[in-house]
Amino acid sequence: RAGQGTAICAFSKGKLNVGTDTVQQGVEGLMYLLSESSKLMISEVDFQDSIHVLGFSDELNKLLLQLYLDNRKEIRSILSELAPKLPSYHSLEWRLDVQLASRSLRQQIKPAVTLKLHLNQNEDQTAQVLQTDPSTLLHLIQQLEQALGEMKTNHCRRIVRNMK
């Protein structure tokens, strides 16, 4: 396809009377605009606002909007196929271990939390074993609760709404 792209750019150069680099940059810019807009699934109004600042004519803005509306679902499906397949959560097992004494210290309490995280990846199931102390686990829980609280703010809701 690289040869076809070069041929098209060379053909466009002759038709448009501009350099090959200019044509290539224009195509790459158009690809970026459409892929990012489709990835975020922005609305018609947001897309129009985004391209309005580029200074194109109203006719070209309407053509770009129609191109976006006609192709955004197909672009999203292609992007989802290209995205890496990340592992997903299946289940979690946990255990609390407490060391009560050792040879050097008789009355020592040393707790440890062991987590076994089961993940699904490409229809295979894997397990990851993690171990931490309770204070680190509490800190992690607090950070996750804070992140959940952030998701309830108007700013995050707006972002999430635009991502859908």
N, C-alpha and C. Protein backbone atom coordinates (compact mmCIF):
# COMPACT_ATOMS: atom_id res chain seq x y z
N ARG A 1 0.81 -1.20 0.00
CA ARG A 1 0.00 0.00 0.00
C ARG A 1 0.85 1.26 0.00
N ALA A 2 2.08 1.13 0.45
CA ALA A 2 2.94 2.31 0.48
C ALA A 2 3.18 2.82 -0.93
N GLY A 3 3.32 1.92 -1.89
CA GLY A 3 3.51 2.33 -3.28
C GLY A 3 2.29 3.02 -3.83
N GLN A 4 1.11 2.54 -3.45
CA GLN A 4 -0.13 3.18 -3.88
C GLN A 4 -0.24 4.58 -3.31
N GLY A 5 0.12 4.72 -2.01
CA GLY A 5 0.04 6.02 -1.36
C GLY A 5 0.95 7.03 -2.03
N THR A 6 2.17 6.59 -2.41
CA THR A 6 3.10 7.48 -3.09
C THR A 6 2.57 7.86 -4.46
N ALA A 7 1.97 6.89 -5.16
CA ALA A 7 1.42 7.16 -6.48
C ALA A 7 0.26 8.15 -6.38
N ILE A 8 -0.59 7.97 -5.38
CA ILE A 8 -1.73 8.88 -5.21
C ILE A 8 -1.23 10.28 -4.88
N CYS A 9 -0.21 10.37 -4.00
CA CYS A 9 0.34 11.69 -3.65
C CYS A 9 0.96 12.36 -4.87
N ALA A 10 1.66 11.57 -5.70
CA ALA A 10 2.27 12.12 -6.91
C ALA A 10 1.19 12.57 -7.89
N PHE A 11 0.12 11.78 -8.02
CA PHE A 11 -0.99 12.13 -8.90
C PHE A 11 -1.66 13.41 -8.39
N SER A 12 -1.89 13.47 -7.05
CA SER A 12 -2.52 14.65 -6.46
C SER A 12 -1.63 15.87 -6.62
N LYS A 13 -0.33 15.67 -6.56
CA LYS A 13 0.60 16.78 -6.73
C LYS A 13 0.39 17.43 -8.09
N GLY A 14 0.25 16.59 -9.13
CA GLY A 14 0.04 17.13 -10.47
C GLY A 14 -1.30 17.81 -10.62
N LYS A 15 -2.34 17.24 -10.02
CA LYS A 15 -3.69 17.80 -10.12
C LYS A 15 -3.84 19.08 -9.31
N LEU A 16 -3.28 19.08 -8.10
CA LEU A 16 -3.48 20.21 -7.19
C LEU A 16 -2.39 21.26 -7.30
N ASN A 17 -1.31 20.92 -7.97
CA ASN A 17 -0.18 21.83 -8.13
C ASN A 17 0.43 22.20 -6.77
N VAL A 18 0.56 21.19 -5.90
CA VAL A 18 1.23 21.36 -4.59
C VAL A 18 2.24 20.23 -4.43
N GLY A 19 3.13 20.37 -3.48
CA GLY A 19 4.17 19.37 -3.24
C GLY A 19 3.61 18.08 -2.66
N THR A 20 4.34 16.99 -2.87
CA THR A 20 3.94 15.68 -2.35
C THR A 20 3.87 15.70 -0.83
N ASP A 21 4.82 16.39 -0.20
CA ASP A 21 4.82 16.48 1.26
C ASP A 21 3.56 17.17 1.78
N THR A 22 3.12 18.19 1.08
CA THR A 22 1.91 18.91 1.48
C THR A 22 0.69 18.00 1.41
N VAL A 23 0.60 17.22 0.34
CA VAL A 23 -0.53 16.29 0.19
C VAL A 23 -0.48 15.24 1.29
N GLN A 24 0.72 14.70 1.54
CA GLN A 24 0.85 13.67 2.56
C GLN A 24 0.50 14.23 3.94
N GLN A 25 0.94 15.42 4.27
CA GLN A 25 0.61 16.03 5.55
C GLN A 25 -0.89 16.30 5.68
N GLY A 26 -1.52 16.69 4.57
CA GLY A 26 -2.96 16.91 4.59
C GLY A 26 -3.72 15.62 4.85
N VAL A 27 -3.30 14.53 4.20
CA VAL A 27 -3.95 13.23 4.41
C VAL A 27 -3.74 12.76 5.84
N GLU A 28 -2.52 12.91 6.35
CA GLU A 28 -2.24 12.49 7.73
C GLU A 28 -3.04 13.33 8.73
N GLY A 29 -3.19 14.62 8.47
CA GLY A 29 -3.99 15.47 9.33
C GLY A 29 -5.45 15.07 9.32
N LEU A 30 -5.96 14.75 8.14
CA LEU A 30 -7.35 14.30 8.02
C LEU A 30 -7.55 12.97 8.75
N MET A 31 -6.59 12.06 8.60
CA MET A 31 -6.67 10.78 9.30
C MET A 31 -6.69 10.99 10.82
N TYR A 32 -5.83 11.89 11.30
CA TYR A 32 -5.77 12.15 12.74
C TYR A 32 -7.08 12.75 13.23
N LEU A 33 -7.60 13.72 12.50
CA LEU A 33 -8.86 14.36 12.88
C LEU A 33 -9.99 13.34 12.98
N LEU A 34 -10.12 12.49 11.96
CA LEU A 34 -11.21 11.51 11.94
C LEU A 34 -11.02 10.42 12.99
N SER A 35 -9.78 9.94 13.16
CA SER A 35 -9.57 8.86 14.14
C SER A 35 -9.76 9.35 15.56
N GLU A 36 -9.24 10.52 15.90
CA GLU A 36 -9.41 11.04 17.27
C GLU A 36 -10.86 11.39 17.55
N SER A 37 -11.54 11.98 16.58
CA SER A 37 -12.96 12.32 16.77
C SER A 37 -13.79 11.06 16.93
N SER A 38 -13.48 10.03 16.15
CA SER A 38 -14.22 8.77 16.25
C SER A 38 -13.91 8.05 17.55
N LYS A 39 -12.64 8.12 17.97
CA LYS A 39 -12.25 7.47 19.21
C LYS A 39 -13.01 8.07 20.39
N LEU A 40 -13.17 9.38 20.39
CA LEU A 40 -13.88 10.06 21.47
C LEU A 40 -15.38 10.10 21.23
N MET A 41 -15.82 9.71 20.02
CA MET A 41 -17.23 9.70 19.63
C MET A 41 -17.88 11.04 19.94
N ILE A 42 -17.23 12.11 19.47
CA ILE A 42 -17.75 13.45 19.78
C ILE A 42 -19.01 13.72 18.97
N SER A 43 -19.81 14.62 19.47
CA SER A 43 -21.08 14.94 18.83
C SER A 43 -20.83 15.81 17.59
N GLU A 44 -21.89 16.01 16.81
CA GLU A 44 -21.80 16.85 15.61
C GLU A 44 -21.38 18.27 15.97
N VAL A 45 -21.97 18.81 17.05
CA VAL A 45 -21.67 20.18 17.45
C VAL A 45 -20.21 20.31 17.86
N ASP A 46 -19.71 19.34 18.65
CA ASP A 46 -18.31 19.37 19.08
C ASP A 46 -17.36 19.24 17.89
N PHE A 47 -17.72 18.39 16.94
CA PHE A 47 -16.88 18.23 15.74
C PHE A 47 -16.85 19.54 14.95
N GLN A 48 -18.01 20.16 14.78
CA GLN A 48 -18.07 21.43 14.05
C GLN A 48 -17.24 22.51 14.77
N ASP A 49 -17.33 22.54 16.09
CA ASP A 49 -16.52 23.50 16.86
C ASP A 49 -15.04 23.23 16.67
N SER A 50 -14.66 21.95 16.61
CA SER A 50 -13.25 21.59 16.46
C SER A 50 -12.70 22.01 15.11
N ILE A 51 -13.47 21.83 14.05
CA ILE A 51 -12.95 22.17 12.72
C ILE A 51 -13.17 23.64 12.36
N HIS A 52 -14.07 24.31 13.08
CA HIS A 52 -14.33 25.72 12.79
C HIS A 52 -13.07 26.57 13.01
N VAL A 53 -12.28 26.22 14.02
CA VAL A 53 -11.08 27.01 14.34
C VAL A 53 -9.99 26.82 13.28
N LEU A 54 -10.14 25.84 12.40
CA LEU A 54 -9.13 25.61 11.36
C LEU A 54 -9.22 26.63 10.23
N GLY A 55 -10.33 27.34 10.14
CA GLY A 55 -10.46 28.40 9.15
C GLY A 55 -10.86 27.93 7.76
N PHE A 56 -11.45 26.75 7.65
CA PHE A 56 -11.91 26.27 6.35
C PHE A 56 -13.22 26.94 5.97
N SER A 57 -13.58 26.83 4.71
CA SER A 57 -14.85 27.39 4.24
C SER A 57 -16.01 26.58 4.82
N ASP A 58 -17.21 27.18 4.80
CA ASP A 58 -18.39 26.49 5.32
C ASP A 58 -18.68 25.22 4.53
N GLU A 59 -18.46 25.26 3.22
CA GLU A 59 -18.71 24.09 2.38
C GLU A 59 -17.78 22.94 2.77
N LEU A 60 -16.50 23.26 2.98
CA LEU A 60 -15.53 22.23 3.37
C LEU A 60 -15.85 21.71 4.77
N ASN A 61 -16.27 22.57 5.67
CA ASN A 61 -16.65 22.13 7.02
C ASN A 61 -17.83 21.15 6.96
N LYS A 62 -18.80 21.44 6.08
CA LYS A 62 -19.95 20.53 5.93
C LYS A 62 -19.51 19.19 5.35
N LEU A 63 -18.58 19.22 4.39
CA LEU A 63 -18.07 17.97 3.81
C LEU A 63 -17.31 17.15 4.85
N LEU A 64 -16.50 17.81 5.66
CA LEU A 64 -15.76 17.10 6.71
C LEU A 64 -16.72 16.51 7.74
N LEU A 65 -17.76 17.26 8.11
CA LEU A 65 -18.75 16.76 9.06
C LEU A 65 -19.45 15.53 8.49
N GLN A 66 -19.84 15.59 7.22
CA GLN A 66 -20.52 14.45 6.60
C GLN A 66 -19.59 13.24 6.52
N LEU A 67 -18.32 13.48 6.20
CA LEU A 67 -17.32 12.41 6.15
C LEU A 67 -17.19 11.76 7.52
N TYR A 68 -17.15 12.58 8.56
CA TYR A 68 -17.06 12.06 9.93
C TYR A 68 -18.29 11.25 10.29
N LEU A 69 -19.48 11.78 10.03
CA LEU A 69 -20.71 11.09 10.40
C LEU A 69 -20.88 9.77 9.64
N ASP A 70 -20.46 9.76 8.37
CA ASP A 70 -20.61 8.55 7.56
C ASP A 70 -19.64 7.44 7.98
N ASN A 71 -18.49 7.81 8.52
CA ASN A 71 -17.43 6.82 8.74
C ASN A 71 -17.04 6.57 10.19
N ARG A 72 -17.63 7.27 11.15
CA ARG A 72 -17.15 7.14 12.52
C ARG A 72 -17.34 5.74 13.10
N LYS A 73 -18.43 5.05 12.78
CA LYS A 73 -18.63 3.70 13.31
C LYS A 73 -17.61 2.72 12.74
N GLU A 74 -17.35 2.83 11.46
CA GLU A 74 -16.36 1.96 10.83
C GLU A 74 -14.96 2.25 11.38
N ILE A 75 -14.65 3.52 11.57
CA ILE A 75 -13.34 3.89 12.13
C ILE A 75 -13.20 3.34 13.54
N ARG A 76 -14.26 3.44 14.34
CA ARG A 76 -14.22 2.90 15.71
C ARG A 76 -14.01 1.40 15.71
N SER A 77 -14.65 0.69 14.79
CA SER A 77 -14.48 -0.76 14.75
C SER A 77 -13.04 -1.13 14.35
N ILE A 78 -12.47 -0.38 13.41
CA ILE A 78 -11.07 -0.63 13.02
C ILE A 78 -10.14 -0.32 14.17
N LEU A 79 -10.37 0.79 14.88
CA LEU A 79 -9.54 1.14 16.03
C LEU A 79 -9.64 0.09 17.14
N SER A 80 -10.82 -0.47 17.35
CA SER A 80 -10.97 -1.49 18.39
C SER A 80 -10.24 -2.77 18.02
N GLU A 81 -10.18 -3.09 16.71
CA GLU A 81 -9.43 -4.26 16.28
C GLU A 81 -7.93 -4.05 16.44
N LEU A 82 -7.47 -2.82 16.27
CA LEU A 82 -6.05 -2.52 16.37
C LEU A 82 -5.58 -2.37 17.82
N ALA A 83 -6.52 -2.11 18.73
CA ALA A 83 -6.15 -1.89 20.13
C ALA A 83 -5.62 -3.17 20.74
N PRO A 84 -4.64 -3.06 21.63
CA PRO A 84 -4.12 -4.27 22.28
C PRO A 84 -5.19 -4.87 23.18
N LYS A 85 -5.21 -6.18 23.23
CA LYS A 85 -6.17 -6.89 24.07
C LYS A 85 -5.60 -6.98 25.48
N LEU A 86 -6.13 -6.15 26.36
CA LEU A 86 -5.66 -6.11 27.73
C LEU A 86 -6.39 -7.16 28.57
N PRO A 87 -5.73 -7.66 29.60
CA PRO A 87 -6.41 -8.63 30.46
C PRO A 87 -7.59 -8.00 31.18
N SER A 88 -8.60 -8.81 31.46
CA SER A 88 -9.78 -8.31 32.19
C SER A 88 -9.95 -9.12 33.47
N TYR A 89 -10.59 -8.52 34.43
CA TYR A 89 -10.80 -9.12 35.75
C TYR A 89 -11.74 -10.32 35.65
N HIS A 90 -11.39 -11.40 36.37
CA HIS A 90 -12.27 -12.56 36.48
C HIS A 90 -12.68 -12.78 37.94
N SER A 91 -11.70 -12.93 38.82
CA SER A 91 -12.01 -13.11 40.24
C SER A 91 -10.78 -12.77 41.09
N LEU A 92 -11.01 -12.72 42.40
CA LEU A 92 -9.95 -12.36 43.33
C LEU A 92 -10.05 -13.24 44.57
N GLU A 93 -8.94 -13.83 44.96
CA GLU A 93 -8.85 -14.57 46.21
C GLU A 93 -7.88 -13.81 47.10
N TRP A 94 -8.12 -13.83 48.40
CA TRP A 94 -7.21 -13.14 49.30
C TRP A 94 -7.04 -13.94 50.58
N ARG A 95 -5.92 -13.68 51.25
CA ARG A 95 -5.60 -14.35 52.51
C ARG A 95 -4.81 -13.39 53.38
N LEU A 96 -5.08 -13.42 54.67
CA LEU A 96 -4.34 -12.60 55.64
C LEU A 96 -3.42 -13.52 56.43
N ASP A 97 -2.12 -13.27 56.33
CA ASP A 97 -1.12 -14.02 57.09
C ASP A 97 -0.56 -13.11 58.16
N VAL A 98 -0.36 -13.67 59.36
CA VAL A 98 0.20 -12.89 60.45
C VAL A 98 1.34 -13.69 61.08
N GLN A 99 2.52 -13.09 61.11
CA GLN A 99 3.66 -13.69 61.79
C GLN A 99 3.63 -13.18 63.22
N LEU A 100 3.49 -14.10 64.18
CA LEU A 100 3.34 -13.71 65.57
C LEU A 100 4.66 -13.63 66.32
N ALA A 101 5.63 -14.41 65.89
CA ALA A 101 6.92 -14.40 66.57
C ALA A 101 7.98 -14.96 65.63
N SER A 102 9.22 -14.66 65.95
CA SER A 102 10.34 -15.24 65.22
C SER A 102 11.42 -15.59 66.23
N ARG A 103 12.51 -16.13 65.80
CA ARG A 103 13.59 -16.50 66.73
C ARG A 103 14.17 -15.28 67.41
N SER A 104 14.21 -14.16 66.70
CA SER A 104 14.82 -12.96 67.29
C SER A 104 13.83 -12.13 68.11
N LEU A 105 12.58 -12.10 67.72
CA LEU A 105 11.55 -11.33 68.45
C LEU A 105 10.40 -12.26 68.82
N ARG A 106 10.11 -12.30 70.12
CA ARG A 106 9.07 -13.23 70.56
C ARG A 106 7.66 -12.70 70.32
N GLN A 107 7.43 -11.45 70.60
CA GLN A 107 6.07 -10.92 70.45
C GLN A 107 6.05 -9.88 69.34
N GLN A 108 6.10 -10.41 68.15
CA GLN A 108 6.11 -9.55 66.97
C GLN A 108 4.84 -9.85 66.18
N ILE A 109 4.18 -8.81 65.73
CA ILE A 109 3.00 -9.01 64.88
C ILE A 109 3.33 -8.38 63.54
N LYS A 110 3.42 -9.23 62.54
CA LYS A 110 3.78 -8.76 61.19
C LYS A 110 2.72 -9.30 60.22
N PRO A 111 1.67 -8.49 59.94
CA PRO A 111 0.61 -8.96 59.02
C PRO A 111 1.01 -8.77 57.55
N ALA A 112 0.46 -9.64 56.72
CA ALA A 112 0.65 -9.53 55.27
C ALA A 112 -0.62 -10.00 54.58
N VAL A 113 -1.01 -9.29 53.55
CA VAL A 113 -2.19 -9.64 52.77
C VAL A 113 -1.71 -10.20 51.44
N THR A 114 -2.16 -11.42 51.13
CA THR A 114 -1.80 -12.06 49.86
C THR A 114 -3.04 -12.06 48.97
N LEU A 115 -2.89 -11.56 47.76
CA LEU A 115 -3.99 -11.48 46.80
C LEU A 115 -3.66 -12.34 45.59
N LYS A 116 -4.62 -13.13 45.15
CA LYS A 116 -4.46 -13.89 43.91
C LYS A 116 -5.51 -13.38 42.94
N LEU A 117 -5.03 -12.70 41.92
CA LEU A 117 -5.89 -12.04 40.95
C LEU A 117 -6.00 -12.92 39.71
N HIS A 118 -7.20 -13.38 39.40
CA HIS A 118 -7.45 -14.19 38.21
C HIS A 118 -7.89 -13.27 37.07
N LEU A 119 -7.21 -13.38 35.92
CA LEU A 119 -7.46 -12.51 34.77
C LEU A 119 -7.81 -13.33 33.55
N ASN A 120 -8.65 -12.76 32.69
CA ASN A 120 -8.95 -13.36 31.38
C ASN A 120 -8.19 -12.58 30.32
N GLN A 121 -7.47 -13.31 29.47
CA GLN A 121 -6.76 -12.66 28.37
C GLN A 121 -6.78 -13.59 27.17
N ASN A 122 -7.42 -13.11 26.09
CA ASN A 122 -7.53 -13.90 24.86
C ASN A 122 -8.08 -15.30 25.13
N GLU A 123 -9.14 -15.38 25.90
CA GLU A 123 -9.82 -16.62 26.26
C GLU A 123 -8.97 -17.55 27.11
N ASP A 124 -7.82 -17.11 27.58
CA ASP A 124 -6.99 -17.87 28.51
C ASP A 124 -7.12 -17.22 29.88
N GLN A 125 -6.99 -18.05 30.92
CA GLN A 125 -7.07 -17.50 32.26
C GLN A 125 -5.69 -17.56 32.90
N THR A 126 -5.27 -16.44 33.46
CA THR A 126 -3.98 -16.36 34.14
C THR A 126 -4.22 -15.89 35.56
N ALA A 127 -3.21 -16.10 36.41
CA ALA A 127 -3.32 -15.67 37.80
C ALA A 127 -2.05 -14.90 38.17
N GLN A 128 -2.23 -13.83 38.91
CA GLN A 128 -1.12 -13.02 39.42
C GLN A 128 -1.22 -13.02 40.94
N VAL A 129 -0.12 -13.33 41.61
CA VAL A 129 -0.09 -13.32 43.07
C VAL A 129 0.63 -12.07 43.54
N LEU A 130 -0.02 -11.32 44.41
CA LEU A 130 0.52 -10.08 44.94
C LEU A 130 0.51 -10.16 46.46
N GLN A 131 1.51 -9.56 47.09
CA GLN A 131 1.53 -9.53 48.55
C GLN A 131 1.88 -8.12 49.01
N THR A 132 1.18 -7.67 50.03
CA THR A 132 1.41 -6.32 50.55
C THR A 132 1.09 -6.30 52.04
N ASP A 133 1.48 -5.23 52.69
CA ASP A 133 1.12 -5.06 54.10
C ASP A 133 -0.21 -4.31 54.16
N PRO A 134 -0.93 -4.42 55.27
CA PRO A 134 -2.25 -3.78 55.37
C PRO A 134 -2.23 -2.26 55.20
N SER A 135 -1.18 -1.58 55.67
CA SER A 135 -1.16 -0.12 55.54
C SER A 135 -1.07 0.31 54.06
N THR A 136 -0.29 -0.41 53.28
CA THR A 136 -0.21 -0.10 51.84
C THR A 136 -1.54 -0.40 51.16
N LEU A 137 -2.17 -1.49 51.57
CA LEU A 137 -3.47 -1.84 51.00
C LEU A 137 -4.52 -0.78 51.36
N LEU A 138 -4.50 -0.27 52.59
CA LEU A 138 -5.42 0.79 52.98
C LEU A 138 -5.17 2.07 52.17
N HIS A 139 -3.90 2.38 51.95
CA HIS A 139 -3.57 3.56 51.14
C HIS A 139 -4.09 3.38 49.71
N LEU A 140 -3.93 2.19 49.16
CA LEU A 140 -4.42 1.91 47.81
C LEU A 140 -5.94 2.05 47.75
N ILE A 141 -6.63 1.55 48.76
CA ILE A 141 -8.09 1.67 48.81
C ILE A 141 -8.51 3.14 48.87
N GLN A 142 -7.80 3.94 49.68
CA GLN A 142 -8.12 5.36 49.79
C GLN A 142 -7.92 6.07 48.45
N GLN A 143 -6.85 5.72 47.74
CA GLN A 143 -6.59 6.34 46.44
C GLN A 143 -7.67 5.96 45.43
N LEU A 144 -8.12 4.70 45.45
CA LEU A 144 -9.18 4.27 44.53
C LEU A 144 -10.50 4.95 44.88
N GLU A 145 -10.80 5.09 46.17
CA GLU A 145 -12.02 5.80 46.57
C GLU A 145 -11.97 7.26 46.16
N GLN A 146 -10.79 7.87 46.25
CA GLN A 146 -10.62 9.26 45.82
C GLN A 146 -10.84 9.37 44.31
N ALA A 147 -10.33 8.39 43.56
CA ALA A 147 -10.53 8.39 42.11
C ALA A 147 -12.01 8.24 41.76
N LEU A 148 -12.71 7.38 42.50
CA LEU A 148 -14.16 7.24 42.27
C LEU A 148 -14.89 8.54 42.58
N GLY A 149 -14.45 9.23 43.63
CA GLY A 149 -15.04 10.53 43.95
C GLY A 149 -14.80 11.55 42.85
N GLU A 150 -13.62 11.52 42.25
CA GLU A 150 -13.30 12.42 41.13
C GLU A 150 -14.23 12.16 39.94
N MET A 151 -14.61 10.91 39.74
CA MET A 151 -15.49 10.57 38.61
C MET A 151 -16.87 11.20 38.75
N LYS A 152 -17.22 11.63 39.93
CA LYS A 152 -18.53 12.24 40.15
C LYS A 152 -18.53 13.74 39.90
N THR A 153 -17.37 14.31 39.62
CA THR A 153 -17.31 15.76 39.37
C THR A 153 -17.86 16.05 37.98
N ASN A 154 -18.32 17.28 37.78
CA ASN A 154 -18.89 17.68 36.48
C ASN A 154 -17.87 17.57 35.36
N HIS A 155 -16.62 17.93 35.64
CA HIS A 155 -15.58 17.88 34.61
C HIS A 155 -15.39 16.45 34.10
N CYS A 156 -15.28 15.49 35.00
CA CYS A 156 -15.10 14.09 34.58
C CYS A 156 -16.33 13.54 33.88
N ARG A 157 -17.50 13.93 34.34
CA ARG A 157 -18.73 13.47 33.69
C ARG A 157 -18.78 13.95 32.24
N ARG A 158 -18.34 15.19 32.01
CA ARG A 158 -18.31 15.73 30.65
C ARG A 158 -17.34 14.94 29.78
N ILE A 159 -16.18 14.61 30.32
CA ILE A 159 -15.19 13.84 29.57
C ILE A 159 -15.72 12.46 29.23
N VAL A 160 -16.30 11.78 30.23
CA VAL A 160 -16.84 10.43 30.01
C VAL A 160 -17.97 10.47 28.99
N ARG A 161 -18.80 11.49 29.06
CA ARG A 161 -19.92 11.60 28.11
C ARG A 161 -19.38 11.74 26.68
N ASN A 162 -18.28 12.50 26.51
CA ASN A 162 -17.69 12.67 25.18
C ASN A 162 -16.97 11.42 24.71
N MET A 163 -16.55 10.57 25.64
CA MET A 163 -15.84 9.34 25.26
C MET A 163 -16.80 8.30 24.73
N LYS A 164 -18.06 8.35 25.14
CA LYS A 164 -19.03 7.35 24.70
C LYS A 164 -19.45 7.63 23.34
